N, C-alpha and C. Protein backbone atom coordinates (compact mmCIF):
# COMPACT_ATOMS: atom_id res chain seq x y z
N MET A 1 111.43 1.20 30.18
CA MET A 1 111.13 1.21 28.75
C MET A 1 110.27 2.42 28.42
N GLU A 2 110.59 3.10 27.35
CA GLU A 2 109.87 4.32 26.98
C GLU A 2 108.49 3.97 26.43
N GLN A 3 107.48 4.68 26.91
CA GLN A 3 106.12 4.44 26.45
C GLN A 3 105.90 5.07 25.08
N ARG A 4 105.15 4.34 24.24
CA ARG A 4 104.83 4.89 22.93
C ARG A 4 103.84 6.04 23.10
N LYS A 5 104.05 7.11 22.38
CA LYS A 5 103.13 8.24 22.43
C LYS A 5 102.31 8.24 21.14
N LEU A 6 100.99 8.11 21.29
CA LEU A 6 100.10 8.08 20.14
C LEU A 6 99.42 9.42 19.98
N PRO A 7 99.12 9.82 18.74
CA PRO A 7 98.46 11.11 18.52
C PRO A 7 97.09 11.17 19.18
N GLU A 8 96.81 12.30 19.83
CA GLU A 8 95.56 12.44 20.58
C GLU A 8 94.34 12.56 19.68
N ASN A 9 94.53 12.92 18.41
CA ASN A 9 93.40 13.06 17.51
C ASN A 9 93.13 11.79 16.70
N ASP A 10 93.76 10.70 17.09
CA ASP A 10 93.58 9.41 16.43
C ASP A 10 92.32 8.75 16.99
N ASP A 11 91.35 8.41 16.12
CA ASP A 11 90.11 7.77 16.58
C ASP A 11 90.39 6.49 17.35
N PHE A 12 91.40 5.75 16.94
CA PHE A 12 91.72 4.50 17.63
C PHE A 12 92.17 4.77 19.07
N VAL A 13 92.66 5.95 19.32
CA VAL A 13 93.10 6.32 20.67
C VAL A 13 91.95 6.93 21.47
N THR A 14 91.28 7.91 20.88
CA THR A 14 90.27 8.67 21.63
C THR A 14 88.99 7.87 21.88
N HIS A 15 88.72 6.87 21.04
CA HIS A 15 87.46 6.12 21.20
C HIS A 15 87.68 4.70 21.71
N ARG A 16 88.92 4.35 21.99
CA ARG A 16 89.22 2.98 22.41
C ARG A 16 88.41 2.56 23.63
N LYS A 17 88.36 3.41 24.65
CA LYS A 17 87.66 3.04 25.88
C LYS A 17 86.17 2.82 25.63
N ALA A 18 85.55 3.67 24.84
CA ALA A 18 84.11 3.53 24.57
C ALA A 18 83.83 2.23 23.84
N TRP A 19 84.67 1.89 22.86
CA TRP A 19 84.45 0.65 22.12
C TRP A 19 84.62 -0.56 23.03
N ARG A 20 85.59 -0.48 23.94
CA ARG A 20 85.78 -1.60 24.88
C ARG A 20 84.60 -1.67 25.84
N ASP A 21 84.06 -0.52 26.23
CA ASP A 21 82.89 -0.50 27.11
C ASP A 21 81.71 -1.23 26.46
N ALA A 22 81.58 -1.10 25.14
CA ALA A 22 80.50 -1.80 24.44
C ALA A 22 80.67 -3.31 24.57
N LEU A 23 81.89 -3.79 24.46
CA LEU A 23 82.15 -5.22 24.63
C LEU A 23 81.82 -5.68 26.04
N LEU A 24 82.19 -4.87 27.03
CA LEU A 24 81.88 -5.21 28.43
C LEU A 24 80.38 -5.24 28.65
N LEU A 25 79.69 -4.27 28.09
CA LEU A 25 78.23 -4.19 28.25
C LEU A 25 77.56 -5.43 27.68
N VAL A 26 77.98 -5.84 26.49
CA VAL A 26 77.37 -7.00 25.84
C VAL A 26 77.68 -8.27 26.63
N ARG A 27 78.91 -8.39 27.11
CA ARG A 27 79.26 -9.56 27.91
C ARG A 27 78.45 -9.61 29.19
N ASP A 28 78.35 -8.48 29.89
CA ASP A 28 77.65 -8.45 31.17
C ASP A 28 76.16 -8.66 31.02
N ASP A 29 75.62 -8.32 29.84
CA ASP A 29 74.20 -8.56 29.58
C ASP A 29 73.92 -10.01 29.22
N GLY A 30 74.97 -10.79 29.02
CA GLY A 30 74.80 -12.20 28.66
C GLY A 30 74.21 -12.40 27.28
N CYS A 31 74.55 -11.52 26.34
CA CYS A 31 73.99 -11.61 24.99
C CYS A 31 74.55 -12.83 24.26
N LEU A 32 73.66 -13.76 23.91
CA LEU A 32 74.07 -14.95 23.17
C LEU A 32 73.88 -14.70 21.69
N VAL A 33 74.71 -13.85 21.15
CA VAL A 33 74.64 -13.54 19.72
C VAL A 33 76.01 -13.79 19.12
N GLY A 34 76.04 -13.86 17.81
CA GLY A 34 77.30 -14.12 17.17
C GLY A 34 77.26 -13.84 15.70
N LEU A 35 78.26 -14.35 15.01
CA LEU A 35 78.38 -14.15 13.58
C LEU A 35 77.93 -15.42 12.87
N ASP A 36 78.31 -15.56 11.62
CA ASP A 36 77.81 -16.68 10.82
C ASP A 36 78.24 -18.04 11.36
N ASP A 37 79.37 -18.08 12.08
CA ASP A 37 79.89 -19.37 12.55
C ASP A 37 79.49 -19.67 13.99
N GLY A 38 78.52 -18.96 14.54
CA GLY A 38 78.00 -19.29 15.86
C GLY A 38 78.17 -18.19 16.88
N PRO A 39 77.67 -18.43 18.12
CA PRO A 39 77.73 -17.41 19.17
C PRO A 39 79.16 -17.01 19.52
N LEU A 40 79.31 -15.76 19.90
CA LEU A 40 80.62 -15.23 20.26
C LEU A 40 80.89 -15.39 21.75
N ASN A 41 82.13 -15.65 22.08
CA ASN A 41 82.58 -15.62 23.47
C ASN A 41 83.12 -14.22 23.72
N TRP A 42 82.35 -13.43 24.47
CA TRP A 42 82.72 -12.01 24.60
C TRP A 42 83.96 -11.81 25.46
N ASP A 43 84.24 -12.72 26.39
CA ASP A 43 85.50 -12.62 27.14
C ASP A 43 86.70 -12.74 26.20
N ILE A 44 86.60 -13.67 25.26
CA ILE A 44 87.68 -13.83 24.29
C ILE A 44 87.80 -12.60 23.40
N GLN A 45 86.66 -12.00 23.04
CA GLN A 45 86.68 -10.79 22.22
C GLN A 45 87.33 -9.62 22.96
N ILE A 46 87.07 -9.52 24.25
CA ILE A 46 87.68 -8.45 25.05
C ILE A 46 89.19 -8.64 25.11
N GLN A 47 89.62 -9.89 25.32
CA GLN A 47 91.06 -10.17 25.35
C GLN A 47 91.71 -9.84 24.00
N ALA A 48 91.02 -10.21 22.91
CA ALA A 48 91.55 -9.92 21.57
C ALA A 48 91.62 -8.42 21.33
N PHE A 49 90.63 -7.70 21.83
CA PHE A 49 90.61 -6.24 21.71
C PHE A 49 91.81 -5.63 22.42
N ASP A 50 92.04 -6.08 23.66
CA ASP A 50 93.16 -5.53 24.44
C ASP A 50 94.50 -5.82 23.77
N ARG A 51 94.68 -7.05 23.27
CA ARG A 51 95.94 -7.39 22.61
C ARG A 51 96.15 -6.55 21.35
N ALA A 52 95.09 -6.40 20.57
CA ALA A 52 95.21 -5.66 19.31
C ALA A 52 95.53 -4.20 19.56
N PHE A 53 94.86 -3.60 20.52
CA PHE A 53 95.08 -2.17 20.75
C PHE A 53 96.41 -1.89 21.45
N GLU A 54 96.91 -2.86 22.21
CA GLU A 54 98.25 -2.70 22.78
C GLU A 54 99.31 -2.71 21.68
N ALA A 55 99.03 -3.44 20.61
CA ALA A 55 100.00 -3.55 19.52
C ALA A 55 99.82 -2.45 18.47
N TYR A 56 98.76 -1.65 18.62
CA TYR A 56 98.47 -0.65 17.58
C TYR A 56 99.46 0.50 17.60
N ALA A 57 99.82 0.93 16.40
CA ALA A 57 100.60 2.16 16.20
C ALA A 57 100.25 2.67 14.81
N PRO A 58 100.18 3.98 14.63
CA PRO A 58 99.88 4.51 13.29
C PRO A 58 100.82 3.94 12.24
N GLY A 59 100.24 3.41 11.17
CA GLY A 59 101.04 2.81 10.12
C GLY A 59 101.33 1.34 10.35
N SER A 60 100.97 0.82 11.52
CA SER A 60 101.17 -0.60 11.83
C SER A 60 99.86 -1.15 12.38
N ILE A 61 99.08 -1.77 11.52
CA ILE A 61 97.74 -2.23 11.89
C ILE A 61 97.80 -3.69 12.33
N PRO A 62 97.43 -4.00 13.57
CA PRO A 62 97.47 -5.38 14.05
C PRO A 62 96.51 -6.28 13.27
N ASP A 63 96.89 -7.55 13.12
CA ASP A 63 96.02 -8.51 12.43
C ASP A 63 94.67 -8.63 13.13
N GLY A 64 94.67 -8.46 14.46
CA GLY A 64 93.43 -8.58 15.22
C GLY A 64 92.38 -7.56 14.82
N PHE A 65 92.81 -6.43 14.30
CA PHE A 65 91.84 -5.43 13.85
C PHE A 65 90.95 -6.00 12.75
N ARG A 66 91.59 -6.69 11.80
CA ARG A 66 90.85 -7.23 10.67
C ARG A 66 90.02 -8.45 11.07
N SER A 67 90.60 -9.35 11.86
CA SER A 67 89.91 -10.60 12.18
C SER A 67 88.77 -10.42 13.18
N ASN A 68 88.81 -9.34 13.99
CA ASN A 68 87.77 -9.15 15.00
C ASN A 68 86.88 -7.95 14.74
N HIS A 69 87.12 -7.26 13.66
CA HIS A 69 86.39 -6.02 13.35
C HIS A 69 84.88 -6.22 13.37
N GLU A 70 84.40 -7.27 12.71
CA GLU A 70 82.95 -7.48 12.61
C GLU A 70 82.32 -7.73 13.98
N ALA A 71 82.99 -8.49 14.83
CA ALA A 71 82.46 -8.78 16.16
C ALA A 71 82.42 -7.51 17.01
N TRP A 72 83.44 -6.68 16.93
CA TRP A 72 83.46 -5.43 17.71
C TRP A 72 82.36 -4.48 17.23
N ARG A 73 82.16 -4.46 15.91
CA ARG A 73 81.10 -3.60 15.35
C ARG A 73 79.73 -4.09 15.83
N LEU A 74 79.56 -5.41 15.91
CA LEU A 74 78.31 -5.98 16.39
C LEU A 74 78.05 -5.55 17.83
N ALA A 75 79.08 -5.54 18.66
CA ALA A 75 78.92 -5.11 20.06
C ALA A 75 78.42 -3.68 20.14
N LEU A 76 78.92 -2.81 19.28
CA LEU A 76 78.45 -1.42 19.26
C LEU A 76 76.99 -1.34 18.83
N ASN A 77 76.60 -2.16 17.85
CA ASN A 77 75.20 -2.18 17.44
C ASN A 77 74.29 -2.63 18.58
N ILE A 78 74.74 -3.63 19.32
CA ILE A 78 73.94 -4.13 20.45
C ILE A 78 73.84 -3.06 21.54
N ALA A 79 74.93 -2.35 21.78
CA ALA A 79 74.90 -1.26 22.77
C ALA A 79 73.90 -0.19 22.35
N LEU A 80 73.85 0.10 21.05
CA LEU A 80 72.88 1.08 20.56
C LEU A 80 71.46 0.58 20.74
N ASP A 81 71.21 -0.69 20.42
CA ASP A 81 69.87 -1.26 20.62
C ASP A 81 69.45 -1.17 22.07
N ARG A 82 70.39 -1.47 22.97
CA ARG A 82 70.09 -1.41 24.41
C ARG A 82 69.73 0.01 24.82
N ALA A 83 70.44 1.00 24.26
CA ALA A 83 70.17 2.40 24.60
C ALA A 83 68.76 2.80 24.18
N LYS A 84 68.27 2.25 23.07
CA LYS A 84 66.93 2.59 22.59
C LYS A 84 65.85 2.07 23.52
N ARG A 85 66.18 1.06 24.35
CA ARG A 85 65.18 0.47 25.24
C ARG A 85 65.25 1.06 26.65
N GLN A 86 66.13 2.02 26.88
CA GLN A 86 66.27 2.61 28.21
C GLN A 86 65.14 3.59 28.49
N ASP A 87 65.02 3.98 29.74
CA ASP A 87 64.02 4.97 30.11
C ASP A 87 64.26 6.27 29.36
N PRO A 88 63.19 7.02 29.07
CA PRO A 88 63.33 8.27 28.30
C PRO A 88 64.32 9.26 28.90
N ASP A 89 64.48 9.24 30.23
CA ASP A 89 65.37 10.22 30.85
C ASP A 89 66.85 9.79 30.77
N VAL A 90 67.10 8.60 30.22
CA VAL A 90 68.48 8.15 29.99
C VAL A 90 68.70 8.09 28.48
N ASP A 91 69.42 9.05 27.95
CA ASP A 91 69.57 9.16 26.50
C ASP A 91 71.00 8.82 26.09
N ASP A 92 71.25 7.52 25.88
CA ASP A 92 72.56 7.07 25.41
C ASP A 92 72.57 6.82 23.91
N LYS A 93 71.42 6.95 23.26
CA LYS A 93 71.32 6.63 21.83
C LYS A 93 72.30 7.46 21.00
N ALA A 94 72.30 8.78 21.22
CA ALA A 94 73.19 9.64 20.45
C ALA A 94 74.66 9.30 20.71
N TYR A 95 74.96 8.92 21.96
CA TYR A 95 76.34 8.57 22.32
C TYR A 95 76.83 7.38 21.50
N TRP A 96 76.02 6.30 21.44
CA TRP A 96 76.45 5.11 20.72
C TRP A 96 76.42 5.32 19.21
N GLU A 97 75.50 6.13 18.72
CA GLU A 97 75.51 6.47 17.29
C GLU A 97 76.82 7.18 16.93
N HIS A 98 77.25 8.08 17.82
CA HIS A 98 78.52 8.79 17.62
C HIS A 98 79.70 7.81 17.62
N GLU A 99 79.68 6.85 18.54
CA GLU A 99 80.78 5.88 18.62
C GLU A 99 80.81 4.97 17.40
N ILE A 100 79.64 4.60 16.88
CA ILE A 100 79.60 3.76 15.68
C ILE A 100 80.18 4.52 14.49
N ARG A 101 79.84 5.80 14.37
CA ARG A 101 80.40 6.59 13.27
C ARG A 101 81.92 6.68 13.39
N ALA A 102 82.40 6.89 14.62
CA ALA A 102 83.85 6.98 14.84
C ALA A 102 84.53 5.65 14.52
N PHE A 103 83.90 4.55 14.91
CA PHE A 103 84.45 3.22 14.66
C PHE A 103 84.57 2.97 13.15
N ASP A 104 83.49 3.24 12.43
CA ASP A 104 83.52 3.03 10.97
C ASP A 104 84.55 3.93 10.31
N ARG A 105 84.61 5.17 10.76
CA ARG A 105 85.57 6.12 10.19
C ARG A 105 87.01 5.65 10.42
N ALA A 106 87.29 5.20 11.64
CA ALA A 106 88.65 4.77 11.98
C ALA A 106 89.07 3.55 11.17
N PHE A 107 88.21 2.54 11.14
CA PHE A 107 88.60 1.31 10.45
C PHE A 107 88.63 1.48 8.94
N GLU A 108 87.73 2.29 8.41
CA GLU A 108 87.77 2.54 6.96
C GLU A 108 89.04 3.29 6.57
N SER A 109 89.58 4.09 7.50
CA SER A 109 90.80 4.84 7.20
C SER A 109 92.01 3.92 7.03
N VAL A 110 91.91 2.68 7.55
CA VAL A 110 93.00 1.71 7.37
C VAL A 110 92.57 0.56 6.46
N GLY A 111 91.49 0.80 5.70
CA GLY A 111 91.07 -0.17 4.69
C GLY A 111 90.27 -1.34 5.22
N ILE A 112 89.65 -1.20 6.39
CA ILE A 112 88.85 -2.29 6.96
C ILE A 112 87.40 -1.82 7.06
N ARG A 113 86.50 -2.52 6.41
CA ARG A 113 85.08 -2.18 6.48
C ARG A 113 84.25 -3.43 6.28
N LEU A 114 83.01 -3.39 6.75
CA LEU A 114 82.10 -4.51 6.54
C LEU A 114 81.70 -4.57 5.08
N PRO A 115 81.44 -5.77 4.55
CA PRO A 115 80.89 -5.87 3.20
C PRO A 115 79.56 -5.11 3.13
N ASP A 116 79.25 -4.57 1.96
CA ASP A 116 78.02 -3.78 1.81
C ASP A 116 76.79 -4.56 2.25
N ALA A 117 76.78 -5.87 2.02
CA ALA A 117 75.61 -6.68 2.37
C ALA A 117 75.38 -6.72 3.87
N LYS A 118 76.42 -6.45 4.66
CA LYS A 118 76.28 -6.50 6.11
C LYS A 118 76.09 -5.12 6.73
N LEU A 119 76.15 -4.08 5.90
CA LEU A 119 75.93 -2.73 6.41
C LEU A 119 74.44 -2.40 6.33
N LEU A 120 73.65 -3.13 7.10
CA LEU A 120 72.21 -2.93 7.08
C LEU A 120 71.88 -1.61 7.77
N HIS A 121 71.11 -0.80 7.07
CA HIS A 121 70.75 0.50 7.63
C HIS A 121 69.37 0.87 7.13
N VAL A 122 68.59 1.49 7.98
CA VAL A 122 67.26 1.95 7.59
C VAL A 122 67.18 3.43 7.94
N THR A 123 66.73 4.23 6.97
CA THR A 123 66.63 5.67 7.20
C THR A 123 65.36 5.98 7.99
N GLU A 124 65.28 7.21 8.51
CA GLU A 124 64.09 7.62 9.25
C GLU A 124 62.85 7.53 8.38
N LYS A 125 62.97 7.91 7.12
CA LYS A 125 61.83 7.86 6.20
C LYS A 125 61.39 6.42 5.95
N GLN A 126 62.35 5.52 5.78
CA GLN A 126 62.02 4.11 5.60
C GLN A 126 61.38 3.53 6.85
N LEU A 127 61.89 3.94 8.01
CA LEU A 127 61.34 3.46 9.27
C LEU A 127 59.89 3.90 9.43
N GLU A 128 59.59 5.13 9.06
CA GLU A 128 58.21 5.62 9.11
C GLU A 128 57.32 4.81 8.19
N ALA A 129 57.84 4.45 7.02
CA ALA A 129 57.04 3.71 6.04
C ALA A 129 56.68 2.31 6.55
N VAL A 130 57.66 1.61 7.14
CA VAL A 130 57.37 0.25 7.59
C VAL A 130 56.44 0.26 8.81
N LYS A 131 56.60 1.25 9.68
CA LYS A 131 55.70 1.35 10.83
C LYS A 131 54.28 1.66 10.37
N ALA A 132 54.15 2.54 9.37
CA ALA A 132 52.83 2.89 8.85
C ALA A 132 52.17 1.69 8.19
N ALA A 133 52.97 0.77 7.67
CA ALA A 133 52.44 -0.42 7.01
C ALA A 133 52.11 -1.54 7.99
N GLY A 134 52.28 -1.29 9.29
CA GLY A 134 51.89 -2.27 10.30
C GLY A 134 52.99 -3.16 10.81
N PHE A 135 54.25 -2.85 10.49
CA PHE A 135 55.36 -3.67 10.97
C PHE A 135 55.75 -3.28 12.40
N LYS A 136 56.14 -4.28 13.17
CA LYS A 136 56.72 -4.07 14.50
C LYS A 136 57.92 -5.00 14.63
N VAL A 137 58.91 -4.59 15.43
CA VAL A 137 60.02 -5.48 15.73
C VAL A 137 59.94 -5.88 17.20
N HIS A 138 60.43 -7.06 17.50
CA HIS A 138 60.32 -7.63 18.84
C HIS A 138 61.69 -8.16 19.27
N LEU A 139 61.98 -8.02 20.54
CA LEU A 139 63.22 -8.55 21.12
C LEU A 139 62.88 -9.75 21.98
N GLY A 140 63.51 -10.88 21.68
CA GLY A 140 63.26 -12.09 22.44
C GLY A 140 63.91 -12.05 23.81
N SER A 141 63.28 -12.74 24.74
CA SER A 141 63.81 -12.87 26.09
C SER A 141 63.90 -14.35 26.44
N ALA A 142 64.29 -14.64 27.66
CA ALA A 142 64.43 -16.03 28.08
C ALA A 142 63.10 -16.78 27.98
N THR A 143 61.98 -16.07 28.15
CA THR A 143 60.68 -16.73 28.07
C THR A 143 60.34 -17.17 26.65
N ASP A 144 61.04 -16.65 25.66
CA ASP A 144 60.80 -17.04 24.27
C ASP A 144 61.64 -18.25 23.86
N GLY A 145 62.47 -18.74 24.78
CA GLY A 145 63.32 -19.88 24.47
C GLY A 145 64.74 -19.45 24.11
N PRO A 146 65.70 -20.35 24.23
CA PRO A 146 67.10 -20.00 23.99
C PRO A 146 67.39 -19.55 22.57
N GLU A 147 66.60 -20.05 21.59
CA GLU A 147 66.86 -19.67 20.20
C GLU A 147 66.54 -18.21 19.94
N LEU A 148 65.57 -17.65 20.66
CA LEU A 148 65.14 -16.27 20.42
C LEU A 148 65.62 -15.30 21.49
N ASN A 149 66.23 -15.80 22.55
CA ASN A 149 66.70 -14.92 23.61
C ASN A 149 67.78 -13.98 23.08
N GLY A 150 67.50 -12.67 23.14
CA GLY A 150 68.46 -11.69 22.65
C GLY A 150 68.43 -11.48 21.15
N ARG A 151 67.50 -12.13 20.46
CA ARG A 151 67.38 -11.98 19.02
C ARG A 151 66.18 -11.10 18.68
N TRP A 152 66.21 -10.50 17.50
CA TRP A 152 65.14 -9.61 17.05
C TRP A 152 64.42 -10.24 15.87
N TRP A 153 63.11 -9.96 15.76
CA TRP A 153 62.34 -10.37 14.58
C TRP A 153 61.23 -9.36 14.36
N TRP A 154 60.58 -9.46 13.20
CA TRP A 154 59.48 -8.53 12.93
C TRP A 154 58.19 -9.28 12.66
N THR A 155 57.08 -8.59 12.92
CA THR A 155 55.76 -9.06 12.54
C THR A 155 55.06 -7.92 11.81
N VAL A 156 54.07 -8.26 11.01
CA VAL A 156 53.26 -7.25 10.34
C VAL A 156 51.80 -7.70 10.39
N ILE A 157 50.92 -6.79 10.71
CA ILE A 157 49.49 -7.08 10.71
C ILE A 157 48.76 -5.83 10.25
N GLN A 158 47.68 -6.06 9.50
CA GLN A 158 46.90 -4.96 8.97
C GLN A 158 45.42 -5.19 9.26
N PRO A 159 44.62 -4.14 9.23
CA PRO A 159 43.18 -4.28 9.48
C PRO A 159 42.57 -5.34 8.58
N GLY A 160 41.75 -6.20 9.19
CA GLY A 160 41.11 -7.27 8.45
C GLY A 160 41.84 -8.59 8.54
N TRP A 161 43.11 -8.56 8.98
CA TRP A 161 43.86 -9.81 9.13
C TRP A 161 43.48 -10.46 10.45
N MET A 162 43.40 -11.78 10.45
CA MET A 162 43.10 -12.51 11.68
C MET A 162 44.36 -12.76 12.52
N GLU A 163 45.52 -12.77 11.88
CA GLU A 163 46.77 -12.98 12.62
C GLU A 163 47.90 -12.31 11.87
N PRO A 164 48.98 -11.99 12.56
CA PRO A 164 50.09 -11.31 11.90
C PRO A 164 50.93 -12.27 11.07
N GLU A 165 51.67 -11.70 10.15
CA GLU A 165 52.69 -12.45 9.42
C GLU A 165 54.01 -12.23 10.14
N THR A 166 54.77 -13.29 10.29
CA THR A 166 56.05 -13.22 11.00
C THR A 166 57.19 -13.48 10.04
N CYS A 167 58.29 -12.78 10.21
CA CYS A 167 59.43 -12.98 9.31
C CYS A 167 59.97 -14.40 9.47
N PRO A 168 60.55 -14.95 8.41
CA PRO A 168 61.02 -16.34 8.46
C PRO A 168 62.25 -16.56 9.33
N GLY A 169 63.01 -15.51 9.61
CA GLY A 169 64.22 -15.67 10.40
C GLY A 169 64.27 -14.71 11.57
N ASP A 170 65.43 -14.55 12.16
CA ASP A 170 65.61 -13.58 13.24
C ASP A 170 66.96 -12.89 13.03
N PHE A 171 67.20 -11.86 13.83
CA PHE A 171 68.32 -10.96 13.55
C PHE A 171 69.08 -10.63 14.83
N ARG A 172 70.33 -10.22 14.65
CA ARG A 172 71.19 -9.92 15.80
C ARG A 172 70.86 -8.58 16.42
N THR A 173 70.41 -7.61 15.60
CA THR A 173 70.18 -6.27 16.10
C THR A 173 68.82 -5.76 15.65
N GLU A 174 68.34 -4.74 16.35
CA GLU A 174 67.07 -4.11 15.98
C GLU A 174 67.15 -3.49 14.59
N ASN A 175 68.27 -2.87 14.29
CA ASN A 175 68.42 -2.23 12.99
C ASN A 175 68.32 -3.23 11.85
N GLU A 176 68.91 -4.42 12.04
CA GLU A 176 68.82 -5.46 11.01
C GLU A 176 67.37 -5.90 10.81
N ALA A 177 66.62 -5.99 11.91
CA ALA A 177 65.21 -6.39 11.79
C ALA A 177 64.40 -5.36 11.02
N TRP A 178 64.62 -4.07 11.34
CA TRP A 178 63.89 -3.01 10.61
C TRP A 178 64.29 -2.99 9.15
N ALA A 179 65.58 -3.18 8.86
CA ALA A 179 66.04 -3.17 7.47
C ALA A 179 65.40 -4.31 6.68
N ASP A 180 65.28 -5.48 7.31
CA ASP A 180 64.64 -6.60 6.63
C ASP A 180 63.15 -6.35 6.45
N ALA A 181 62.52 -5.69 7.43
CA ALA A 181 61.10 -5.34 7.29
C ALA A 181 60.89 -4.41 6.11
N PHE A 182 61.82 -3.47 5.93
CA PHE A 182 61.70 -2.56 4.78
C PHE A 182 61.85 -3.31 3.47
N ARG A 183 62.75 -4.30 3.43
CA ARG A 183 62.89 -5.11 2.23
C ARG A 183 61.59 -5.87 1.94
N ALA A 184 60.96 -6.38 3.01
CA ALA A 184 59.69 -7.10 2.83
C ALA A 184 58.61 -6.17 2.30
N LEU A 185 58.60 -4.93 2.78
CA LEU A 185 57.63 -3.95 2.30
C LEU A 185 57.87 -3.64 0.83
N GLN A 186 59.13 -3.49 0.44
CA GLN A 186 59.44 -3.23 -0.96
C GLN A 186 59.02 -4.39 -1.85
N ALA A 187 59.14 -5.61 -1.32
CA ALA A 187 58.77 -6.79 -2.11
C ALA A 187 57.27 -6.94 -2.26
N ASP A 188 56.49 -6.31 -1.38
CA ASP A 188 55.03 -6.39 -1.43
C ASP A 188 54.45 -5.00 -1.26
N PRO A 189 54.51 -4.16 -2.30
CA PRO A 189 54.01 -2.79 -2.17
C PRO A 189 52.51 -2.72 -1.90
N ASP A 190 51.78 -3.83 -2.11
CA ASP A 190 50.35 -3.83 -1.79
C ASP A 190 50.11 -3.58 -0.31
N LEU A 191 51.10 -3.86 0.53
CA LEU A 191 50.94 -3.61 1.97
C LEU A 191 50.66 -2.14 2.22
N THR A 192 51.32 -1.26 1.49
CA THR A 192 51.09 0.17 1.65
C THR A 192 49.68 0.54 1.22
N ARG A 193 49.24 -0.03 0.11
CA ARG A 193 47.90 0.27 -0.38
C ARG A 193 46.84 -0.21 0.61
N LYS A 194 47.05 -1.40 1.17
CA LYS A 194 46.06 -1.96 2.09
C LYS A 194 45.90 -1.07 3.32
N MET A 195 46.99 -0.46 3.77
CA MET A 195 46.90 0.39 4.95
C MET A 195 46.07 1.64 4.69
N GLN A 196 45.88 1.99 3.42
CA GLN A 196 45.12 3.19 3.09
C GLN A 196 43.63 2.89 2.94
N GLU A 197 43.24 1.60 3.02
CA GLU A 197 41.84 1.24 2.92
C GLU A 197 41.15 1.50 4.25
N PRO A 198 39.78 1.59 4.28
CA PRO A 198 39.06 1.83 5.52
C PRO A 198 39.41 0.80 6.59
N LEU A 199 39.51 1.27 7.83
CA LEU A 199 39.90 0.37 8.91
C LEU A 199 38.87 -0.71 9.16
N ASN A 200 37.58 -0.38 9.05
CA ASN A 200 36.53 -1.36 9.33
C ASN A 200 36.18 -2.09 8.04
N SER A 201 36.69 -3.29 7.87
CA SER A 201 36.41 -4.08 6.68
C SER A 201 35.38 -5.14 7.00
N PRO A 202 34.67 -5.69 5.99
CA PRO A 202 33.64 -6.70 6.24
C PRO A 202 34.18 -7.95 6.91
N GLU A 203 35.51 -8.19 6.78
CA GLU A 203 36.06 -9.41 7.36
C GLU A 203 36.33 -9.29 8.86
N ASP A 204 36.23 -8.06 9.41
CA ASP A 204 36.51 -7.89 10.83
C ASP A 204 35.49 -8.65 11.67
N PRO A 205 35.92 -9.39 12.68
CA PRO A 205 34.98 -10.07 13.57
C PRO A 205 34.06 -9.06 14.24
N ILE A 206 32.77 -9.35 14.29
CA ILE A 206 31.79 -8.45 14.88
C ILE A 206 32.05 -8.32 16.37
N GLY A 207 31.97 -7.09 16.85
CA GLY A 207 32.11 -6.85 18.28
C GLY A 207 33.54 -6.65 18.74
N MET A 208 34.52 -6.68 17.82
CA MET A 208 35.92 -6.46 18.20
C MET A 208 36.44 -5.22 17.51
N THR A 209 37.17 -4.40 18.25
CA THR A 209 37.79 -3.22 17.64
C THR A 209 39.07 -3.64 16.93
N ASP A 210 39.57 -2.75 16.07
CA ASP A 210 40.82 -3.05 15.37
C ASP A 210 41.97 -3.23 16.34
N VAL A 211 41.99 -2.43 17.41
CA VAL A 211 43.06 -2.55 18.41
C VAL A 211 43.02 -3.91 19.06
N GLU A 212 41.81 -4.39 19.39
CA GLU A 212 41.68 -5.71 20.02
C GLU A 212 42.13 -6.82 19.09
N ILE A 213 41.81 -6.67 17.81
CA ILE A 213 42.22 -7.68 16.83
C ILE A 213 43.74 -7.74 16.75
N VAL A 214 44.38 -6.57 16.65
CA VAL A 214 45.83 -6.51 16.53
C VAL A 214 46.51 -7.08 17.77
N GLU A 215 46.04 -6.66 18.95
CA GLU A 215 46.66 -7.13 20.19
C GLU A 215 46.50 -8.64 20.35
N GLY A 216 45.33 -9.15 20.05
CA GLY A 216 45.10 -10.59 20.15
C GLY A 216 45.95 -11.37 19.18
N ALA A 217 46.09 -10.86 17.97
CA ALA A 217 46.89 -11.54 16.95
C ALA A 217 48.36 -11.55 17.33
N GLU A 218 48.85 -10.45 17.91
CA GLU A 218 50.25 -10.41 18.32
C GLU A 218 50.53 -11.41 19.44
N ARG A 219 49.57 -11.53 20.37
CA ARG A 219 49.74 -12.53 21.44
C ARG A 219 49.80 -13.93 20.85
N MET A 220 48.94 -14.19 19.86
CA MET A 220 48.93 -15.50 19.23
C MET A 220 50.25 -15.77 18.51
N ALA A 221 50.81 -14.74 17.87
CA ALA A 221 52.08 -14.91 17.15
C ALA A 221 53.19 -15.30 18.11
N ARG A 222 53.21 -14.69 19.30
CA ARG A 222 54.25 -15.03 20.28
C ARG A 222 54.11 -16.47 20.72
N VAL A 223 52.85 -16.93 20.89
CA VAL A 223 52.61 -18.32 21.29
C VAL A 223 53.11 -19.27 20.22
N LEU A 224 52.82 -18.94 18.95
CA LEU A 224 53.23 -19.79 17.84
C LEU A 224 54.74 -19.85 17.73
N LEU A 225 55.42 -18.73 18.01
CA LEU A 225 56.88 -18.70 17.94
C LEU A 225 57.51 -19.63 18.98
N LYS A 226 56.84 -19.75 20.13
CA LYS A 226 57.38 -20.60 21.19
C LYS A 226 57.13 -22.08 20.91
N ALA A 227 56.12 -22.36 20.09
CA ALA A 227 55.71 -23.75 19.87
C ALA A 227 56.80 -24.54 19.14
C-alpha cells in the first residue's frame, strides 16, 4: 500500500513528535491533573493522539483533533511548567514555549482553539507586578495530600501581616496560578500601595525581621492547607 506523503512544512507533521513527547512526559511524571470533568488518563490520551494523527491529512481533520485538543494543550503547558523547575543549566523553557506557539498556530489554522476564558496568560510586566506585591505560586507534592499533588496555588503576604492570604482554589498549571494572582491584584489595587509603605510597621512583632515573618507565615500557610 502506498504511503501518504504529507507536506514537510505542515506544523502537524513537523511538531507531531514534540507534542507526543509532552504527553509521554506528563504520563511518566504521574501528573494527576485533568479538565472540568475530572483527572485525565494519559495513556488513553496518547492512544487518541496516535489514532488522530494517523488519520490526519491536509483538508481532512480527524474528529479526535477537536475532542482532545484541550487535553493535549494542557500537556504542553505542564511540560513548560516542568521546564521552569529544572536546573539552570538545562534550558527547555524556550523549547516548550516554541512548541506551544506551533500547536496553537496549527490548530487555529483548522478552526480549533481554546475559548478565550481558558487562554490564561500573564505578561512579563504583569508577572513583575504580582511578585512585587508579595505574591508567590506553589506546586503541591505528595506531602501536601492527593488533592494538591501536582496542583498550583498562590499566596500573598505583605509587611505587617501575621499570615499570608491563600487563593480559594488551585490550578492545573503555573501560568494559570500567576494569571489568577494578577486578577486578584487588579481586584485589590491597595495591595500595590501597601507594598510602597515602610517595611517596618508598628504591627511587626518585636525582635523579628520582615524575612522571618514572611518565612514563618508561609510555613503556617502550608500547614493550614494540609489540615
